PDB file of all heavy atoms in Angstrom:
ATOM      1  N   GLY A   1       8.645 284.368  18.515  1.00  0.00           N
ATOM      2  CA  GLY A   1       8.370 284.686  17.121  1.00  0.00           C
ATOM      3  C   GLY A   1       6.899 284.994  16.958  1.00  0.00           C
ATOM      4  O   GLY A   1       6.171 285.184  17.937  1.00  0.00           O
ATOM      5  N   ILE A   2       6.457 285.038  15.717  1.00  0.00           N
ATOM      6  CA  ILE A   2       5.049 285.323  15.460  1.00  0.00           C
ATOM      7  C   ILE A   2       4.621 284.683  14.142  1.00  0.00           C
ATOM      8  O   ILE A   2       5.388 284.614  13.194  1.00  0.00           O
ATOM      9  CB  ILE A   2       4.776 286.848  15.449  1.00  0.00           C
ATOM     10  CG1 ILE A   2       3.303 287.146  15.618  1.00  0.00           C
ATOM     11  CG2 ILE A   2       5.307 287.505  14.222  1.00  0.00           C
ATOM     12  CD1 ILE A   2       2.793 286.898  16.995  1.00  0.00           C
ATOM     13  N   SER A   3       3.410 284.195  14.132  1.00  0.00           N
ATOM     14  CA  SER A   3       2.737 283.740  12.920  1.00  0.00           C
ATOM     15  C   SER A   3       1.445 284.534  12.837  1.00  0.00           C
ATOM     16  O   SER A   3       0.707 284.602  13.819  1.00  0.00           O
ATOM     17  CB  SER A   3       2.399 282.254  12.990  1.00  0.00           C
ATOM     18  OG  SER A   3       3.545 281.470  13.087  1.00  0.00           O
ATOM     19  N   ALA A   4       1.192 285.132  11.693  1.00  0.00           N
ATOM     20  CA  ALA A   4      -0.013 285.946  11.544  1.00  0.00           C
ATOM     21  C   ALA A   4      -0.479 285.938  10.096  1.00  0.00           C
ATOM     22  O   ALA A   4       0.325 285.812   9.180  1.00  0.00           O
ATOM     23  CB  ALA A   4       0.243 287.380  11.995  1.00  0.00           C
ATOM     24  N   VAL A   5      -1.782 286.091   9.930  1.00  0.00           N
ATOM     25  CA  VAL A   5      -2.384 286.208   8.611  1.00  0.00           C
ATOM     26  C   VAL A   5      -2.817 287.657   8.432  1.00  0.00           C
ATOM     27  O   VAL A   5      -3.456 288.227   9.314  1.00  0.00           O
ATOM     28  CB  VAL A   5      -3.612 285.277   8.485  1.00  0.00           C
ATOM     29  CG1 VAL A   5      -4.346 285.517   7.179  1.00  0.00           C
ATOM     30  CG2 VAL A   5      -3.188 283.824   8.594  1.00  0.00           C
ATOM     31  N   ILE A   6      -2.437 288.249   7.296  1.00  0.00           N
ATOM     32  CA  ILE A   6      -2.967 289.547   6.901  1.00  0.00           C
ATOM     33  C   ILE A   6      -4.032 289.249   5.855  1.00  0.00           C
ATOM     34  O   ILE A   6      -3.735 288.711   4.788  1.00  0.00           O
ATOM     35  CB  ILE A   6      -1.880 290.470   6.288  1.00  0.00           C
ATOM     36  CG1 ILE A   6      -0.656 290.573   7.184  1.00  0.00           C
ATOM     37  CG2 ILE A   6      -2.479 291.830   5.955  1.00  0.00           C
ATOM     38  CD1 ILE A   6      -0.854 291.328   8.460  1.00  0.00           C
ATOM     39  N   ASN A   7      -5.280 289.538   6.196  1.00  0.00           N
ATOM     40  CA  ASN A   7      -6.380 289.268   5.279  1.00  0.00           C
ATOM     41  C   ASN A   7      -6.529 290.395   4.262  1.00  0.00           C
ATOM     42  O   ASN A   7      -6.080 291.515   4.494  1.00  0.00           O
ATOM     43  CB  ASN A   7      -7.688 289.079   6.062  1.00  0.00           C
ATOM     44  CG  ASN A   7      -7.669 287.785   6.844  1.00  0.00           C
ATOM     45  OD1 ASN A   7      -7.300 286.740   6.329  1.00  0.00           O
ATOM     46  ND2 ASN A   7      -8.055 287.861   8.098  1.00  0.00           N
ATOM     47  N   LYS A   8      -7.174 290.093   3.160  1.00  0.00           N
ATOM     48  CA  LYS A   8      -7.354 291.078   2.096  1.00  0.00           C
ATOM     49  C   LYS A   8      -8.247 292.229   2.526  1.00  0.00           C
ATOM     50  O   LYS A   8      -8.273 293.259   1.869  1.00  0.00           O
ATOM     51  CB  LYS A   8      -7.897 290.389   0.851  1.00  0.00           C
ATOM     52  CG  LYS A   8      -6.895 289.424   0.245  1.00  0.00           C
ATOM     53  CD  LYS A   8      -7.450 288.697  -0.950  1.00  0.00           C
ATOM     54  CE  LYS A   8      -6.432 287.694  -1.467  1.00  0.00           C
ATOM     55  NZ  LYS A   8      -6.944 286.943  -2.601  1.00  0.00           N
ATOM     56  N   ASP A   9      -8.967 292.081   3.644  1.00  0.00           N
ATOM     57  CA  ASP A   9      -9.803 293.178   4.153  1.00  0.00           C
ATOM     58  C   ASP A   9      -9.056 294.032   5.176  1.00  0.00           C
ATOM     59  O   ASP A   9      -9.659 294.796   5.913  1.00  0.00           O
ATOM     60  CB  ASP A   9     -11.093 292.625   4.759  1.00  0.00           C
ATOM     61  CG  ASP A   9     -10.849 291.781   6.004  1.00  0.00           C
ATOM     62  OD1 ASP A   9      -9.670 291.583   6.391  1.00  0.00           O
ATOM     63  OD2 ASP A   9     -11.831 291.305   6.588  1.00  0.00           O
ATOM     64  N   ASN A  10      -7.723 293.915   5.226  1.00  0.00           N
ATOM     65  CA  ASN A  10      -6.831 294.681   6.107  1.00  0.00           C
ATOM     66  C   ASN A  10      -6.875 294.224   7.559  1.00  0.00           C
ATOM     67  O   ASN A  10      -6.349 294.907   8.429  1.00  0.00           O
ATOM     68  CB  ASN A  10      -7.127 296.186   6.077  1.00  0.00           C
ATOM     69  CG  ASN A  10      -7.115 296.754   4.690  1.00  0.00           C
ATOM     70  OD1 ASN A  10      -6.486 296.210   3.805  1.00  0.00           O
ATOM     71  ND2 ASN A  10      -7.831 297.838   4.497  1.00  0.00           N
ATOM     72  N   SER A  11      -7.476 293.106   7.860  1.00  0.00           N
ATOM     73  CA  SER A  11      -7.487 292.618   9.236  1.00  0.00           C
ATOM     74  C   SER A  11      -6.283 291.708   9.478  1.00  0.00           C
ATOM     75  O   SER A  11      -5.751 291.109   8.550  1.00  0.00           O
ATOM     76  CB  SER A  11      -8.788 291.878   9.545  1.00  0.00           C
ATOM     77  OG  SER A  11      -8.907 290.725   8.731  1.00  0.00           O
ATOM     78  N   VAL A  12      -5.875 291.643  10.727  1.00  0.00           N
ATOM     79  CA  VAL A  12      -4.739 290.818  11.131  1.00  0.00           C
ATOM     80  C   VAL A  12      -5.245 289.747  12.075  1.00  0.00           C
ATOM     81  O   VAL A  12      -5.992 290.033  13.014  1.00  0.00           O
ATOM     82  CB  VAL A  12      -3.664 291.669  11.854  1.00  0.00           C
ATOM     83  CG1 VAL A  12      -2.527 290.800  12.358  1.00  0.00           C
ATOM     84  CG2 VAL A  12      -3.139 292.760  10.939  1.00  0.00           C
ATOM     85  N   LYS A  13      -4.847 288.494  11.846  1.00  0.00           N
ATOM     86  CA  LYS A  13      -5.198 287.407  12.753  1.00  0.00           C
ATOM     87  C   LYS A  13      -3.912 286.725  13.195  1.00  0.00           C
ATOM     88  O   LYS A  13      -3.164 286.193  12.372  1.00  0.00           O
ATOM     89  CB  LYS A  13      -6.113 286.399  12.081  1.00  0.00           C
ATOM     90  CG  LYS A  13      -6.472 285.272  13.016  1.00  0.00           C
ATOM     91  CD  LYS A  13      -7.628 284.465  12.555  1.00  0.00           C
ATOM     92  CE  LYS A  13      -7.981 283.483  13.651  1.00  0.00           C
ATOM     93  NZ  LYS A  13      -9.159 282.752  13.372  1.00  0.00           N
ATOM     94  N   LEU A  14      -3.645 286.763  14.501  1.00  0.00           N
ATOM     95  CA  LEU A  14      -2.462 286.094  15.040  1.00  0.00           C
ATOM     96  C   LEU A  14      -2.704 284.595  15.029  1.00  0.00           C
ATOM     97  O   LEU A  14      -3.744 284.120  15.491  1.00  0.00           O
ATOM     98  CB  LEU A  14      -2.168 286.592  16.448  1.00  0.00           C
ATOM     99  CG  LEU A  14      -1.855 288.082  16.571  1.00  0.00           C
ATOM    100  CD1 LEU A  14      -1.587 288.455  18.022  1.00  0.00           C
ATOM    101  CD2 LEU A  14      -0.681 288.479  15.697  1.00  0.00           C
ATOM    102  N   MET A  15      -1.755 283.843  14.513  1.00  0.00           N
ATOM    103  CA  MET A  15      -1.889 282.390  14.373  1.00  0.00           C
ATOM    104  C   MET A  15      -1.042 281.633  15.391  1.00  0.00           C
ATOM    105  O   MET A  15      -0.847 280.436  15.269  1.00  0.00           O
ATOM    106  CB  MET A  15      -1.524 281.963  12.951  1.00  0.00           C
ATOM    107  CG  MET A  15      -2.477 282.480  11.895  1.00  0.00           C
ATOM    108  SD  MET A  15      -4.169 281.904  12.120  1.00  0.00           S
ATOM    109  CE  MET A  15      -3.990 280.144  11.860  1.00  0.00           C
ATOM    110  N   GLY A  16      -0.541 282.331  16.372  1.00  0.00           N
ATOM    111  CA  GLY A  16       0.240 281.710  17.426  1.00  0.00           C
ATOM    112  C   GLY A  16       0.544 282.745  18.485  1.00  0.00           C
ATOM    113  O   GLY A  16       0.387 283.946  18.261  1.00  0.00           O
ATOM    114  N   GLU A  17       0.947 282.263  19.626  1.00  0.00           N
ATOM    115  CA  GLU A  17       1.339 283.160  20.707  1.00  0.00           C
ATOM    116  C   GLU A  17       2.753 282.812  21.125  1.00  0.00           C
ATOM    117  O   GLU A  17       3.061 281.638  21.358  1.00  0.00           O
ATOM    118  CB  GLU A  17       0.408 282.993  21.902  1.00  0.00           C
ATOM    119  CG  GLU A  17      -1.001 283.472  21.631  1.00  0.00           C
ATOM    120  CD  GLU A  17      -1.889 283.330  22.841  1.00  0.00           C
ATOM    121  OE1 GLU A  17      -1.382 283.412  23.976  1.00  0.00           O
ATOM    122  OE2 GLU A  17      -3.095 283.154  22.644  1.00  0.00           O
ATOM    123  N   PRO A  18       3.628 283.829  21.216  1.00  0.00           N
ATOM    124  CA  PRO A  18       4.977 283.534  21.678  1.00  0.00           C
ATOM    125  C   PRO A  18       4.956 283.067  23.123  1.00  0.00           C
ATOM    126  O   PRO A  18       4.129 283.513  23.912  1.00  0.00           O
ATOM    127  CB  PRO A  18       5.718 284.856  21.529  1.00  0.00           C
ATOM    128  CG  PRO A  18       4.689 285.894  21.297  1.00  0.00           C
ATOM    129  CD  PRO A  18       3.421 285.221  20.899  1.00  0.00           C
ATOM    130  N   ASP A  19       5.839 282.140  23.436  1.00  0.00           N
ATOM    131  CA  ASP A  19       5.967 281.689  24.822  1.00  0.00           C
ATOM    132  C   ASP A  19       6.516 282.826  25.661  1.00  0.00           C
ATOM    133  O   ASP A  19       7.280 283.662  25.186  1.00  0.00           O
ATOM    134  CB  ASP A  19       6.943 280.501  24.915  1.00  0.00           C
ATOM    135  CG  ASP A  19       6.352 279.233  24.358  1.00  0.00           C
ATOM    136  OD1 ASP A  19       5.121 279.067  24.407  1.00  0.00           O
ATOM    137  OD2 ASP A  19       7.128 278.396  23.870  1.00  0.00           O
ATOM    138  N   SER A  20       6.134 282.838  26.905  1.00  0.00           N
ATOM    139  CA  SER A  20       6.722 283.795  27.828  1.00  0.00           C
ATOM    140  C   SER A  20       6.764 283.154  29.194  1.00  0.00           C
ATOM    141  O   SER A  20       5.988 282.256  29.502  1.00  0.00           O
ATOM    142  CB  SER A  20       5.916 285.092  27.863  1.00  0.00           C
ATOM    143  OG  SER A  20       4.600 284.831  28.305  1.00  0.00           O
ATOM    144  N   GLY A  21       7.668 283.637  29.986  1.00  0.00           N
ATOM    145  CA  GLY A  21       7.827 283.109  31.336  1.00  0.00           C
ATOM    146  C   GLY A  21       8.018 284.238  32.316  1.00  0.00           C
ATOM    147  O   GLY A  21       7.553 285.356  32.095  1.00  0.00           O
ATOM    148  N   ASP A  22       8.712 283.945  33.378  1.00  0.00           N
ATOM    149  CA  ASP A  22       8.936 284.941  34.416  1.00  0.00           C
ATOM    150  C   ASP A  22      10.003 285.962  34.023  1.00  0.00           C
ATOM    151  O   ASP A  22      10.090 287.029  34.598  1.00  0.00           O
ATOM    152  CB  ASP A  22       9.361 284.256  35.717  1.00  0.00           C
ATOM    153  CG  ASP A  22       8.254 283.366  36.278  1.00  0.00           C
ATOM    154  OD1 ASP A  22       7.071 283.704  36.047  1.00  0.00           O
ATOM    155  OD2 ASP A  22       8.579 282.366  36.929  1.00  0.00           O
ATOM    156  N   PHE A  23      10.842 285.640  33.032  1.00  0.00           N
ATOM    157  CA  PHE A  23      11.933 286.512  32.639  1.00  0.00           C
ATOM    158  C   PHE A  23      11.898 286.733  31.136  1.00  0.00           C
ATOM    159  O   PHE A  23      11.383 285.906  30.389  1.00  0.00           O
ATOM    160  CB  PHE A  23      13.287 285.895  33.032  1.00  0.00           C
ATOM    161  CG  PHE A  23      13.382 285.591  34.496  1.00  0.00           C
ATOM    162  CD1 PHE A  23      13.168 284.310  34.959  1.00  0.00           C
ATOM    163  CD2 PHE A  23      13.655 286.600  35.406  1.00  0.00           C
ATOM    164  CE1 PHE A  23      13.239 284.015  36.307  1.00  0.00           C
ATOM    165  CE2 PHE A  23      13.732 286.317  36.754  1.00  0.00           C
ATOM    166  CZ  PHE A  23      13.515 285.030  37.208  1.00  0.00           C
ATOM    167  N   SER A  24      12.481 287.842  30.676  1.00  0.00           N
ATOM    168  CA  SER A  24      12.561 288.142  29.259  1.00  0.00           C
ATOM    169  C   SER A  24      13.342 287.037  28.542  1.00  0.00           C
ATOM    170  O   SER A  24      14.369 286.582  29.021  1.00  0.00           O
ATOM    171  CB  SER A  24      13.269 289.479  29.070  1.00  0.00           C
ATOM    172  OG  SER A  24      13.434 289.740  27.708  1.00  0.00           O
ATOM    173  N   GLY A  25      12.851 286.623  27.397  1.00  0.00           N
ATOM    174  CA  GLY A  25      13.526 285.599  26.611  1.00  0.00           C
ATOM    175  C   GLY A  25      13.269 284.184  27.080  1.00  0.00           C
ATOM    176  O   GLY A  25      13.814 283.238  26.526  1.00  0.00           O
ATOM    177  N   GLU A  26      12.468 284.010  28.118  1.00  0.00           N
ATOM    178  CA  GLU A  26      12.177 282.673  28.623  1.00  0.00           C
ATOM    179  C   GLU A  26      11.117 282.028  27.728  1.00  0.00           C
ATOM    180  O   GLU A  26      10.075 282.607  27.478  1.00  0.00           O
ATOM    181  CB  GLU A  26      11.668 282.762  30.054  1.00  0.00           C
ATOM    182  CG  GLU A  26      11.526 281.425  30.727  1.00  0.00           C
ATOM    183  CD  GLU A  26      11.142 281.569  32.185  1.00  0.00           C
ATOM    184  OE1 GLU A  26      11.379 282.624  32.782  1.00  0.00           O
ATOM    185  OE2 GLU A  26      10.581 280.611  32.713  1.00  0.00           O
ATOM    186  N   THR A  27      11.398 280.848  27.245  1.00  0.00           N
ATOM    187  CA  THR A  27      10.498 280.203  26.307  1.00  0.00           C
ATOM    188  C   THR A  27      10.620 278.690  26.407  1.00  0.00           C
ATOM    189  O   THR A  27      11.582 278.171  26.948  1.00  0.00           O
ATOM    190  CB  THR A  27      10.803 280.679  24.868  1.00  0.00           C
ATOM    191  OG1 THR A  27       9.821 280.168  23.982  1.00  0.00           O
ATOM    192  CG2 THR A  27      12.167 280.231  24.399  1.00  0.00           C
ATOM    193  N   ASP A  28       9.630 277.997  25.886  1.00  0.00           N
ATOM    194  CA  ASP A  28       9.738 276.553  25.707  1.00  0.00           C
ATOM    195  C   ASP A  28      10.367 276.312  24.348  1.00  0.00           C
ATOM    196  O   ASP A  28      10.064 277.020  23.381  1.00  0.00           O
ATOM    197  CB  ASP A  28       8.353 275.891  25.746  1.00  0.00           C
ATOM    198  CG  ASP A  28       7.780 275.814  27.145  1.00  0.00           C
ATOM    199  OD1 ASP A  28       8.561 275.589  28.083  1.00  0.00           O
ATOM    200  OD2 ASP A  28       6.564 275.982  27.291  1.00  0.00           O
ATOM    201  N   PHE A  29      11.234 275.324  24.275  1.00  0.00           N
ATOM    202  CA  PHE A  29      11.927 275.034  23.030  1.00  0.00           C
ATOM    203  C   PHE A  29      11.485 273.684  22.478  1.00  0.00           C
ATOM    204  O   PHE A  29      10.830 272.898  23.152  1.00  0.00           O
ATOM    205  CB  PHE A  29      13.444 275.035  23.246  1.00  0.00           C
ATOM    206  CG  PHE A  29      13.996 276.385  23.578  1.00  0.00           C
ATOM    207  CD1 PHE A  29      14.436 276.679  24.858  1.00  0.00           C
ATOM    208  CD2 PHE A  29      14.082 277.369  22.608  1.00  0.00           C
ATOM    209  CE1 PHE A  29      14.949 277.921  25.168  1.00  0.00           C
ATOM    210  CE2 PHE A  29      14.597 278.624  22.904  1.00  0.00           C
ATOM    211  CZ  PHE A  29      15.027 278.890  24.191  1.00  0.00           C
ATOM    212  N   LEU A  30      11.884 273.437  21.258  1.00  0.00           N
ATOM    213  CA  LEU A  30      11.579 272.174  20.590  1.00  0.00           C
ATOM    214  C   LEU A  30      12.160 270.990  21.358  1.00  0.00           C
ATOM    215  O   LEU A  30      11.642 269.886  21.281  1.00  0.00           O
ATOM    216  CB  LEU A  30      12.139 272.226  19.162  1.00  0.00           C
ATOM    217  CG  LEU A  30      11.687 271.172  18.183  1.00  0.00           C
ATOM    218  CD1 LEU A  30      10.173 271.130  18.068  1.00  0.00           C
ATOM    219  CD2 LEU A  30      12.310 271.422  16.825  1.00  0.00           C
ATOM    220  N   THR A  31      13.210 271.229  22.133  1.00  0.00           N
ATOM    221  CA  THR A  31      13.848 270.164  22.902  1.00  0.00           C
ATOM    222  C   THR A  31      13.131 269.890  24.226  1.00  0.00           C
ATOM    223  O   THR A  31      13.491 268.947  24.927  1.00  0.00           O
ATOM    224  CB  THR A  31      15.311 270.543  23.204  1.00  0.00           C
ATOM    225  OG1 THR A  31      15.341 271.850  23.780  1.00  0.00           O
ATOM    226  CG2 THR A  31      16.157 270.516  21.939  1.00  0.00           C
ATOM    227  N   SER A  32      12.131 270.689  24.583  1.00  0.00           N
ATOM    228  CA  SER A  32      11.386 270.480  25.829  1.00  0.00           C
ATOM    229  C   SER A  32      10.572 269.190  25.725  1.00  0.00           C
ATOM    230  O   SER A  32       9.968 268.922  24.685  1.00  0.00           O
ATOM    231  CB  SER A  32      10.444 271.652  26.096  1.00  0.00           C
ATOM    232  OG  SER A  32      11.164 272.856  26.161  1.00  0.00           O
ATOM    233  N   PRO A  33      10.524 268.385  26.785  1.00  0.00           N
ATOM    234  CA  PRO A  33       9.810 267.101  26.732  1.00  0.00           C
ATOM    235  C   PRO A  33       8.336 267.237  26.357  1.00  0.00           C
ATOM    236  O   PRO A  33       7.787 266.370  25.682  1.00  0.00           O
ATOM    237  CB  PRO A  33       9.950 266.548  28.155  1.00  0.00           C
ATOM    238  CG  PRO A  33      11.077 267.296  28.778  1.00  0.00           C
ATOM    239  CD  PRO A  33      11.176 268.612  28.076  1.00  0.00           C
ATOM    240  N   GLN A  34       7.689 268.338  26.737  1.00  0.00           N
ATOM    241  CA  GLN A  34       6.263 268.483  26.454  1.00  0.00           C
ATOM    242  C   GLN A  34       5.964 268.695  24.975  1.00  0.00           C
ATOM    243  O   GLN A  34       4.804 268.669  24.568  1.00  0.00           O
ATOM    244  CB  GLN A  34       5.630 269.596  27.304  1.00  0.00           C
ATOM    245  CG  GLN A  34       6.156 270.975  27.046  1.00  0.00           C
ATOM    246  CD  GLN A  34       7.280 271.363  27.976  1.00  0.00           C
ATOM    247  OE1 GLN A  34       8.040 270.511  28.449  1.00  0.00           O
ATOM    248  NE2 GLN A  34       7.424 272.646  28.246  1.00  0.00           N
ATOM    249  N   MET A  35       6.986 268.858  24.130  1.00  0.00           N
ATOM    250  CA  MET A  35       6.746 269.045  22.698  1.00  0.00           C
ATOM    251  C   MET A  35       6.397 267.732  21.994  1.00  0.00           C
ATOM    252  O   MET A  35       6.119 267.731  20.808  1.00  0.00           O
ATOM    253  CB  MET A  35       7.944 269.704  22.021  1.00  0.00           C
ATOM    254  CG  MET A  35       8.193 271.106  22.496  1.00  0.00           C
ATOM    255  SD  MET A  35       6.687 272.093  22.579  1.00  0.00           S
ATOM    256  CE  MET A  35       7.021 273.106  23.992  1.00  0.00           C
ATOM    257  N   LYS A  36       6.412 266.639  22.746  1.00  0.00           N
ATOM    258  CA  LYS A  36       5.960 265.358  22.192  1.00  0.00           C
ATOM    259  C   LYS A  36       4.577 264.998  22.719  1.00  0.00           C
ATOM    260  O   LYS A  36       4.065 263.933  22.443  1.00  0.00           O
ATOM    261  CB  LYS A  36       6.952 264.254  22.546  1.00  0.00           C
ATOM    262  CG  LYS A  36       8.287 264.431  21.860  1.00  0.00           C
ATOM    263  CD  LYS A  36       9.188 263.281  22.197  1.00  0.00           C
ATOM    264  CE  LYS A  36      10.544 263.483  21.580  1.00  0.00           C
ATOM    265  NZ  LYS A  36      11.472 262.441  21.955  1.00  0.00           N
ATOM    266  N   ASN A  37       3.977 265.910  23.483  1.00  0.00           N
ATOM    267  CA  ASN A  37       2.679 265.684  24.086  1.00  0.00           C
ATOM    268  C   ASN A  37       1.602 266.303  23.194  1.00  0.00           C
ATOM    269  O   ASN A  37       1.572 267.517  22.995  1.00  0.00           O
ATOM    270  CB  ASN A  37       2.662 266.324  25.484  1.00  0.00           C
ATOM    271  CG  ASN A  37       1.343 266.160  26.184  1.00  0.00           C
ATOM    272  OD1 ASN A  37       0.299 266.467  25.637  1.00  0.00           O
ATOM    273  ND2 ASN A  37       1.413 265.693  27.420  1.00  0.00           N
TER     274      ASN A  37
END
C-alpha cells in the first residue's frame, strides 16, 4: 500500500514504504512476529 502527504505547494511526501521481497506480492504482515518489536 502507500501513505503519502500532498502538500499545498504541490509536493508529495511518501509517509511509508511498501514491503517487498524476492517475489512479487511478498510482504510482512501484521501477523509476523516482528510486528511486536
